[in-house]
Protein backbone atom coordinates (compact mmCIF):
# COMPACT_ATOMS: atom_id res chain seq x y z
CA MET A 1 -15.78 114.03 -1.02
CA LYS A 2 -16.01 113.77 -4.80
CA ASN A 3 -17.22 110.64 -6.59
CA ASN A 4 -14.89 109.14 -9.19
CA TRP A 5 -16.23 108.85 -12.74
CA ARG A 6 -14.60 107.93 -16.02
CA LEU A 7 -14.42 110.54 -18.79
CA LEU A 8 -14.64 108.64 -22.07
CA ARG A 9 -13.70 110.13 -25.44
CA ASP A 10 -13.43 107.12 -27.75
CA ASN A 11 -13.72 109.06 -31.04
CA ILE A 12 -16.05 106.46 -32.57
CA ILE A 13 -17.92 108.26 -35.36
CA ASP A 14 -19.71 105.39 -37.13
CA PRO A 15 -23.37 105.70 -35.96
CA GLN A 16 -23.96 101.94 -35.82
CA LYS A 17 -20.82 101.34 -33.78
CA HIS A 18 -21.66 104.41 -31.71
CA PHE A 19 -24.95 102.92 -30.48
CA ALA A 20 -23.32 99.56 -29.90
CA VAL A 21 -21.07 101.45 -27.47
CA GLU A 22 -24.03 103.21 -25.85
CA GLU A 23 -25.90 99.99 -25.13
CA ALA A 24 -22.74 98.11 -24.16
CA LEU A 25 -21.94 100.67 -21.46
CA LEU A 26 -25.49 100.47 -20.12
CA ARG A 27 -25.19 96.69 -19.96
CA GLY A 28 -21.73 97.06 -18.47
CA ILE A 29 -23.10 99.13 -15.59
CA GLU A 30 -25.66 96.39 -14.93
CA LYS A 31 -22.98 93.68 -15.04
CA GLY A 32 -20.65 95.64 -12.78
CA ILE A 33 -17.82 95.90 -15.34
CA THR A 34 -18.39 99.53 -16.37
CA PRO A 35 -17.60 102.41 -14.00
CA SER A 36 -19.83 105.47 -13.81
CA THR A 37 -19.01 107.24 -17.06
CA LEU A 38 -19.48 110.54 -18.84
CA ARG A 39 -19.03 109.85 -22.55
CA ILE A 40 -18.42 112.65 -25.03
CA ARG A 41 -19.81 111.42 -28.34
CA GLN A 42 -18.55 111.82 -31.90
CA TYR A 43 -20.36 110.99 -35.16
CA LYS A 44 -20.54 111.58 -38.88
CA PRO A 45 -23.71 112.98 -40.55
CA SER A 46 -26.54 110.58 -39.75
CA VAL A 47 -30.17 110.30 -38.63
CA TRP A 48 -31.12 108.65 -35.35
CA ILE A 49 -34.68 107.52 -34.68
CA GLY A 50 -36.17 106.70 -31.29
CA ILE A 51 -36.73 103.10 -30.31
CA TYR A 52 -40.54 103.41 -30.54
CA GLN A 53 -40.68 105.32 -33.82
CA ASP A 54 -41.93 104.03 -37.16
CA ILE A 55 -39.13 104.87 -39.59
CA ASP A 56 -41.50 105.22 -42.57
CA GLU A 57 -43.47 107.94 -40.79
CA GLU A 58 -40.57 110.00 -39.39
CA ILE A 59 -37.81 110.06 -42.01
CA ASN A 60 -37.42 111.07 -45.65
CA LEU A 61 -35.70 107.79 -46.50
CA LYS A 62 -35.37 108.56 -50.21
CA TYR A 63 -33.43 111.73 -49.49
CA CYS A 64 -31.23 109.94 -46.95
CA GLN A 65 -30.45 107.11 -49.37
CA LYS A 66 -29.78 109.48 -52.27
CA ASN A 67 -27.38 111.56 -50.16
CA ASN A 68 -25.70 108.63 -48.37
CA ILE A 69 -26.95 109.68 -44.93
CA PRO A 70 -27.15 106.58 -42.70
CA VAL A 71 -30.24 106.05 -40.54
CA ILE A 72 -29.99 104.11 -37.28
CA ARG A 73 -32.53 103.17 -34.63
CA ARG A 74 -31.47 104.14 -31.11
CA HIS A 75 -31.87 102.00 -28.02
CA ASN A 76 -33.58 104.84 -26.14
CA PRO A 77 -36.89 106.71 -26.62
CA GLY A 78 -37.49 110.19 -28.05
CA GLY A 79 -37.76 111.69 -31.50
CA ALA A 80 -35.80 111.42 -34.71
CA VAL A 81 -32.76 113.70 -34.87
CA TYR A 82 -30.22 114.66 -37.51
CA GLN A 83 -26.61 114.86 -36.31
CA ASP A 84 -23.43 116.07 -37.96
CA ASP A 85 -20.13 117.55 -36.84
CA GLY A 86 -22.01 120.70 -35.83
CA SER A 87 -23.59 118.78 -32.94
CA PHE A 88 -22.13 117.93 -29.57
CA CYS A 89 -23.55 114.98 -27.64
CA PHE A 90 -22.86 113.28 -24.34
CA SER A 91 -24.14 110.31 -22.35
CA ALA A 92 -23.91 109.66 -18.61
CA PHE A 93 -23.95 106.04 -17.39
CA PHE A 94 -24.38 105.08 -13.74
CA ASN A 95 -26.05 102.85 -11.19
CA LYS A 96 -29.52 104.33 -10.77
CA LYS A 97 -29.99 103.64 -7.06
CA SER A 98 -26.63 104.96 -5.85
CA PHE A 99 -26.58 108.07 -8.06
CA PHE A 100 -30.22 108.95 -7.38
CA ASN A 101 -29.59 108.52 -3.64
CA SER A 102 -26.67 110.93 -3.85
CA LEU A 103 -28.99 113.46 -5.51
CA SER A 104 -31.87 112.80 -3.07
CA ILE A 105 -34.28 112.07 -5.93
CA THR A 106 -36.53 109.10 -6.74
CA ASP A 107 -38.35 110.29 -9.87
CA PRO A 108 -36.22 109.76 -13.03
CA ASP A 109 -37.91 112.75 -14.68
CA LYS A 110 -36.23 114.96 -12.04
CA LEU A 111 -32.89 114.21 -13.68
CA TYR A 112 -33.99 116.06 -16.82
CA GLU A 113 -34.31 119.20 -14.72
CA LEU A 114 -30.98 118.74 -12.92
CA ILE A 115 -28.95 118.11 -16.06
CA GLY A 116 -30.94 120.90 -17.70
CA LYS A 117 -29.43 123.24 -15.10
CA VAL A 118 -25.96 122.03 -16.10
CA VAL A 119 -26.75 122.78 -19.73
CA MET A 120 -28.07 126.25 -18.89
CA LYS A 121 -24.94 126.95 -16.82
CA THR A 122 -22.79 125.88 -19.77
CA LEU A 123 -24.65 128.24 -22.09
CA LYS A 124 -24.41 131.04 -19.52
CA TYR A 125 -20.61 130.95 -19.90
CA PHE A 126 -21.24 132.32 -23.38
CA ASP A 127 -23.80 134.88 -22.17
CA ILE A 128 -26.73 132.83 -23.45
CA ASP A 129 -29.85 132.86 -21.28
CA ALA A 130 -31.75 129.60 -21.75
CA ASN A 131 -34.83 127.96 -20.27
CA ILE A 132 -36.09 124.47 -19.58
CA SER A 133 -38.95 123.74 -21.98
CA SER A 134 -41.34 120.79 -21.68
CA LEU A 135 -39.70 117.78 -20.05
CA ASN A 136 -36.44 117.34 -21.90
CA ASP A 137 -35.61 120.42 -24.01
CA ILE A 138 -33.61 123.60 -23.44
CA THR A 139 -34.72 126.60 -25.45
CA VAL A 140 -33.55 130.12 -26.27
CA ASN A 141 -36.24 132.53 -27.45
CA ASN A 142 -38.60 129.55 -27.51
CA LYS A 143 -36.37 127.68 -29.98
CA LYS A 144 -34.69 124.39 -29.12
CA VAL A 145 -30.90 124.38 -28.72
CA TYR A 146 -30.66 121.16 -26.70
CA GLY A 147 -32.65 117.93 -26.27
CA SER A 148 -32.24 114.82 -24.14
CA ALA A 149 -33.49 111.30 -23.48
CA GLN A 150 -32.84 108.59 -20.92
CA ILE A 151 -33.21 104.85 -20.49
CA GLU A 152 -32.79 102.31 -17.71
CA LEU A 153 -31.88 98.64 -17.73
CA TYR A 154 -32.53 96.99 -14.37
CA SER A 155 -30.02 98.74 -12.05
CA ALA A 156 -28.31 100.68 -14.86
CA PHE A 157 -29.31 104.11 -16.12
CA SER A 158 -28.22 106.33 -18.98
CA HIS A 159 -29.01 109.98 -19.72
CA SER A 160 -28.07 111.43 -23.13
CA GLY A 161 -28.16 114.99 -24.46
CA THR A 162 -27.40 116.94 -27.63
CA PHE A 163 -26.28 120.55 -28.11
CA LEU A 164 -26.98 122.16 -31.48
CA ILE A 165 -23.80 124.14 -32.12
CA ASP A 166 -23.57 124.61 -35.89
CA VAL A 167 -25.78 121.92 -37.40
CA ASP A 168 -26.82 122.04 -41.06
CA LEU A 169 -30.44 123.03 -40.43
CA ASN A 170 -31.34 122.90 -44.11
CA LYS A 171 -30.30 119.28 -44.27
CA MET A 172 -32.07 118.60 -40.97
CA GLN A 173 -35.27 119.97 -42.49
CA LYS A 174 -34.93 117.68 -45.52
CA VAL A 175 -34.27 114.43 -43.66
CA LEU A 176 -36.89 114.71 -40.90
CA SER A 177 -40.64 114.49 -41.49
CA PRO A 178 -42.39 114.58 -38.09
CA SER A 179 -46.17 114.54 -37.72
CA ASN A 180 -48.13 117.77 -37.30
CA LEU A 181 -48.79 116.76 -33.69
CA LYS A 182 -45.09 117.29 -32.95
CA PHE A 183 -45.47 121.08 -33.08
CA ILE A 184 -49.15 121.45 -32.18
CA ASP A 185 -48.36 123.23 -28.90
CA LYS A 186 -45.13 124.94 -30.00
CA GLY A 187 -46.37 127.54 -32.46
CA PHE A 188 -44.09 126.16 -35.22
CA THR A 189 -44.83 124.35 -38.46
CA SER A 190 -41.42 122.93 -39.39
CA VAL A 191 -38.29 121.40 -37.89
CA LYS A 192 -36.07 124.26 -39.10
CA ASN A 193 -38.24 126.90 -37.42
CA ARG A 194 -38.30 124.95 -34.15
CA VAL A 195 -34.53 124.70 -33.56
CA LEU A 196 -31.62 127.11 -33.18
CA ASN A 197 -27.85 126.75 -33.34
CA VAL A 198 -25.71 128.12 -30.52
CA TYR A 199 -23.52 129.81 -33.15
CA ASP A 200 -26.53 131.79 -34.37
CA ILE A 201 -26.93 133.33 -30.92
CA LEU A 202 -23.31 134.26 -30.23
CA ASP A 203 -21.79 137.61 -31.16
CA LYS A 204 -18.48 135.86 -31.86
CA ARG A 205 -17.51 132.35 -32.87
CA VAL A 206 -16.16 129.93 -30.30
CA LYS A 207 -14.65 126.53 -30.92
CA LYS A 208 -16.93 123.56 -30.34
CA GLU A 209 -14.25 122.11 -28.10
CA GLU A 210 -14.62 125.15 -25.83
CA VAL A 211 -18.34 124.40 -25.40
CA ILE A 212 -17.50 120.77 -24.67
CA THR A 213 -14.91 121.74 -22.05
CA LYS A 214 -17.32 124.13 -20.33
CA PHE A 215 -19.97 121.43 -20.24
CA ILE A 216 -17.61 118.83 -18.78
CA ASN A 217 -16.52 121.28 -16.08
CA SER A 218 -20.12 122.29 -15.32
CA PHE A 219 -21.21 118.64 -15.13
CA SER A 220 -18.40 117.65 -12.76
CA ASP A 221 -18.93 120.71 -10.56
CA PHE A 222 -22.70 120.35 -10.34
CA PHE A 223 -22.59 116.65 -9.43
CA ASN A 224 -19.37 116.88 -7.39
CA LEU A 225 -17.42 114.46 -9.58
CA ASP A 226 -13.75 113.76 -10.21
CA LEU A 227 -13.63 112.91 -13.92
CA LYS A 228 -10.60 110.91 -15.05
CA LYS A 229 -10.01 110.31 -18.74
CA GLU A 230 -9.83 106.57 -19.47
CA ASN A 231 -10.34 104.24 -22.43
CA LEU A 232 -12.85 101.46 -23.06
CA LYS A 233 -12.16 98.20 -21.23
CA LYS A 234 -11.52 94.87 -22.92
CA ASP A 235 -14.77 93.38 -21.55
CA GLU A 236 -16.74 96.39 -22.81
CA ILE A 237 -15.21 96.09 -26.29
CA SER A 238 -16.34 92.47 -26.45
CA ILE A 239 -19.96 93.49 -25.75
CA ILE A 240 -19.68 96.36 -28.26
CA ASN A 241 -18.51 94.08 -31.05
CA ASP A 242 -21.33 91.62 -30.37
CA LEU A 243 -24.02 94.33 -30.35
CA TYR A 244 -22.61 95.89 -33.51
CA LYS A 245 -22.56 92.60 -35.41
CA ASN A 246 -25.88 91.17 -34.27
CA LYS A 247 -28.00 94.28 -33.74
CA TYR A 248 -27.01 97.78 -34.80
CA SER A 249 -25.45 96.87 -38.16
CA THR A 250 -28.52 94.84 -39.20
CA TYR A 251 -31.26 96.12 -41.48
CA GLU A 252 -33.91 94.43 -39.33
CA TRP A 253 -33.08 96.48 -36.23
CA THR A 254 -33.37 99.93 -37.78
CA HIS A 255 -36.20 99.05 -40.19
CA LYS A 256 -38.30 97.28 -37.58
CA LYS A 257 -41.71 96.21 -38.86
CA PHE A 258 -44.63 96.85 -36.54
CA PRO A 259 -47.70 94.57 -36.40
CA SER A 260 -50.75 95.39 -38.49
CA SER A 261 -53.56 97.27 -36.77
CA SER A 262 -57.16 98.17 -37.53
CA ILE A 263 -57.28 101.40 -35.51
CA LYS A 264 -54.75 104.14 -34.86
CA VAL A 265 -55.33 107.07 -32.51
CA SER A 266 -52.80 109.73 -31.55
CA LYS A 267 -52.21 112.35 -28.88
CA LYS A 268 -49.54 114.84 -27.92
CA ALA A 269 -48.45 113.98 -24.38
CA LYS A 270 -46.18 115.98 -22.08
CA SER A 271 -43.14 114.07 -23.28
CA GLY A 272 -44.07 113.67 -26.96
CA VAL A 273 -46.44 112.12 -29.47
CA ILE A 274 -48.08 108.78 -28.63
CA ASN A 275 -49.64 106.69 -31.39
CA LEU A 276 -51.80 103.84 -30.09
CA HIS A 277 -52.36 101.03 -32.59
CA CYS A 278 -55.00 98.38 -31.92
CA LYS A 279 -56.27 95.30 -33.67
CA LEU A 280 -59.71 94.34 -32.35
CA ASP A 281 -61.82 91.24 -32.80
CA LYS A 282 -64.65 91.25 -35.33
CA LYS A 283 -67.16 92.53 -32.76
CA ASN A 284 -64.79 95.29 -31.54
CA LYS A 285 -65.00 93.94 -28.01
CA TYR A 286 -61.55 92.47 -27.39
CA ILE A 287 -58.04 93.75 -28.03
CA LYS A 288 -56.17 91.15 -30.05
CA LYS A 289 -53.01 93.20 -30.60
CA VAL A 290 -51.71 96.54 -29.34
CA TYR A 291 -48.53 98.52 -29.80
CA LEU A 292 -47.22 102.07 -29.47
CA THR A 293 -45.20 104.27 -31.76
CA GLY A 294 -44.01 107.84 -31.34
CA ASP A 295 -41.37 110.01 -29.70
CA PHE A 296 -42.80 109.82 -26.17
CA LEU A 297 -40.37 109.31 -23.28
CA VAL A 298 -40.51 106.19 -21.13
CA GLN A 299 -37.07 105.21 -19.87
CA ASP A 300 -38.08 101.74 -18.64
CA SER A 301 -38.78 99.58 -21.72
CA LYS A 302 -40.03 96.77 -19.45
CA SER A 303 -43.06 98.89 -18.57
CA ILE A 304 -44.02 99.08 -22.26
CA LEU A 305 -43.69 95.32 -22.66
CA ASP A 306 -45.78 94.89 -19.51
CA PHE A 307 -48.42 97.18 -21.05
CA TYR A 308 -48.57 94.98 -24.16
CA ASN A 309 -48.82 91.78 -22.11
CA LYS A 310 -51.54 93.09 -19.82
CA ILE A 311 -53.70 94.75 -22.48
CA GLU A 312 -53.61 92.20 -25.28
CA ASN A 313 -56.42 89.62 -25.20
CA THR A 314 -58.45 91.70 -22.76
CA SER A 315 -61.77 93.45 -23.28
CA LEU A 316 -61.74 96.98 -24.61
CA LYS A 317 -63.92 98.20 -21.74
CA ASN A 318 -61.43 96.94 -19.12
CA ALA A 319 -58.34 98.44 -20.75
CA SER A 320 -58.38 101.63 -18.66
CA LYS A 321 -58.62 99.72 -15.37
CA LYS A 322 -55.58 97.63 -16.28
CA ILE A 323 -53.55 100.66 -17.39
CA LYS A 324 -54.02 102.27 -13.96
CA LYS A 325 -52.30 99.28 -12.35
CA LEU A 326 -49.20 99.49 -14.56
CA SER A 327 -45.88 101.07 -13.58
CA LEU A 328 -45.98 103.70 -16.33
CA PRO A 329 -45.35 107.43 -15.81
CA GLU A 330 -48.56 109.14 -14.75
CA ASN A 331 -48.74 111.38 -17.84
CA ILE A 332 -48.35 108.33 -20.12
CA GLN A 333 -51.02 106.41 -18.19
CA ASN A 334 -53.50 109.29 -18.45
CA ASN A 335 -52.90 109.75 -22.16
CA LEU A 336 -53.29 106.04 -22.89
CA ILE A 337 -56.60 106.01 -21.01
CA GLU A 338 -57.77 108.97 -23.13
CA LEU A 339 -56.71 107.19 -26.31
CA PHE A 340 -58.60 104.02 -25.38
CA ASP A 341 -61.66 106.14 -24.60
CA LYS A 342 -61.29 107.60 -28.09
CA ILE A 343 -61.21 104.11 -29.60
CA LYS A 344 -64.34 103.12 -27.65
CA LYS A 345 -66.19 106.09 -29.15
CA GLU A 346 -65.00 105.28 -32.67
CA VAL A 347 -66.18 101.66 -32.56
CA SER A 348 -69.40 102.18 -30.59
């Protein structure tokens, strides 16, 4: 028996309103007012940064301002991306426990692989052989054609992905300025050389809508879903309007200021770059303040807040012991321990 999901195509292209919708649907799942939903996303040229990223370190803001390209901070983790009408994005919203039970999985990272198979099947319709690369990317000839991220909020879960169909790669190169660590294990030195448009692989042009249709069909088939096209609900629109007004349209949200720090150490983890910032006491014994920036993937933001609460005001030598007790992904835990060991060596 197929599960019933909503297919949502709201045609909202304003990036600030777009992310108000994304968060509202996640909150709606948690509140029980939003049905399981596959949303096909629209947008105008814009730059989206991950929730943990420092905008000043990831984006060429002067170029964006000069060329009227809006920049918006997302509610989910991952790296900065440039989007235009040559992209195709989607988001899936659902109750984590019930959907994961239906898939017989417990590890959220497993969902990257499963939806990755849907993406590869979609590309196969157009005779494109693709591979899963790292945790959340799909590549062709070792170049990225698709990336994804996910986030959870209590019982609610959202997985989002982007296909590069015919994106302006020259403009992408100009607006993004990632750290050298981003490509340290990729064999590339620039954004433009790392990515690839689907149109550049095909022998003949296809309409973007055809790719979208193939993806929707592949998604519904793979997960045994009956997708019914429906509009946003009145209760959802109320949450959207509130989030747009008080969060996503504000300068403070996108241009978040991080606390000052005395030490910064960085590492390329399995899921992205982690920058660990610490402010120590005068004797370099205790951690007064700590925070993370980067494009690393942790879908549960509560675990990051728990990390801050447990590590701040503790001794530097006990940091690793406390990290091991936190509910962070194992690869993030291990990398944080290595980063704290690096700090210990620097201040010893």
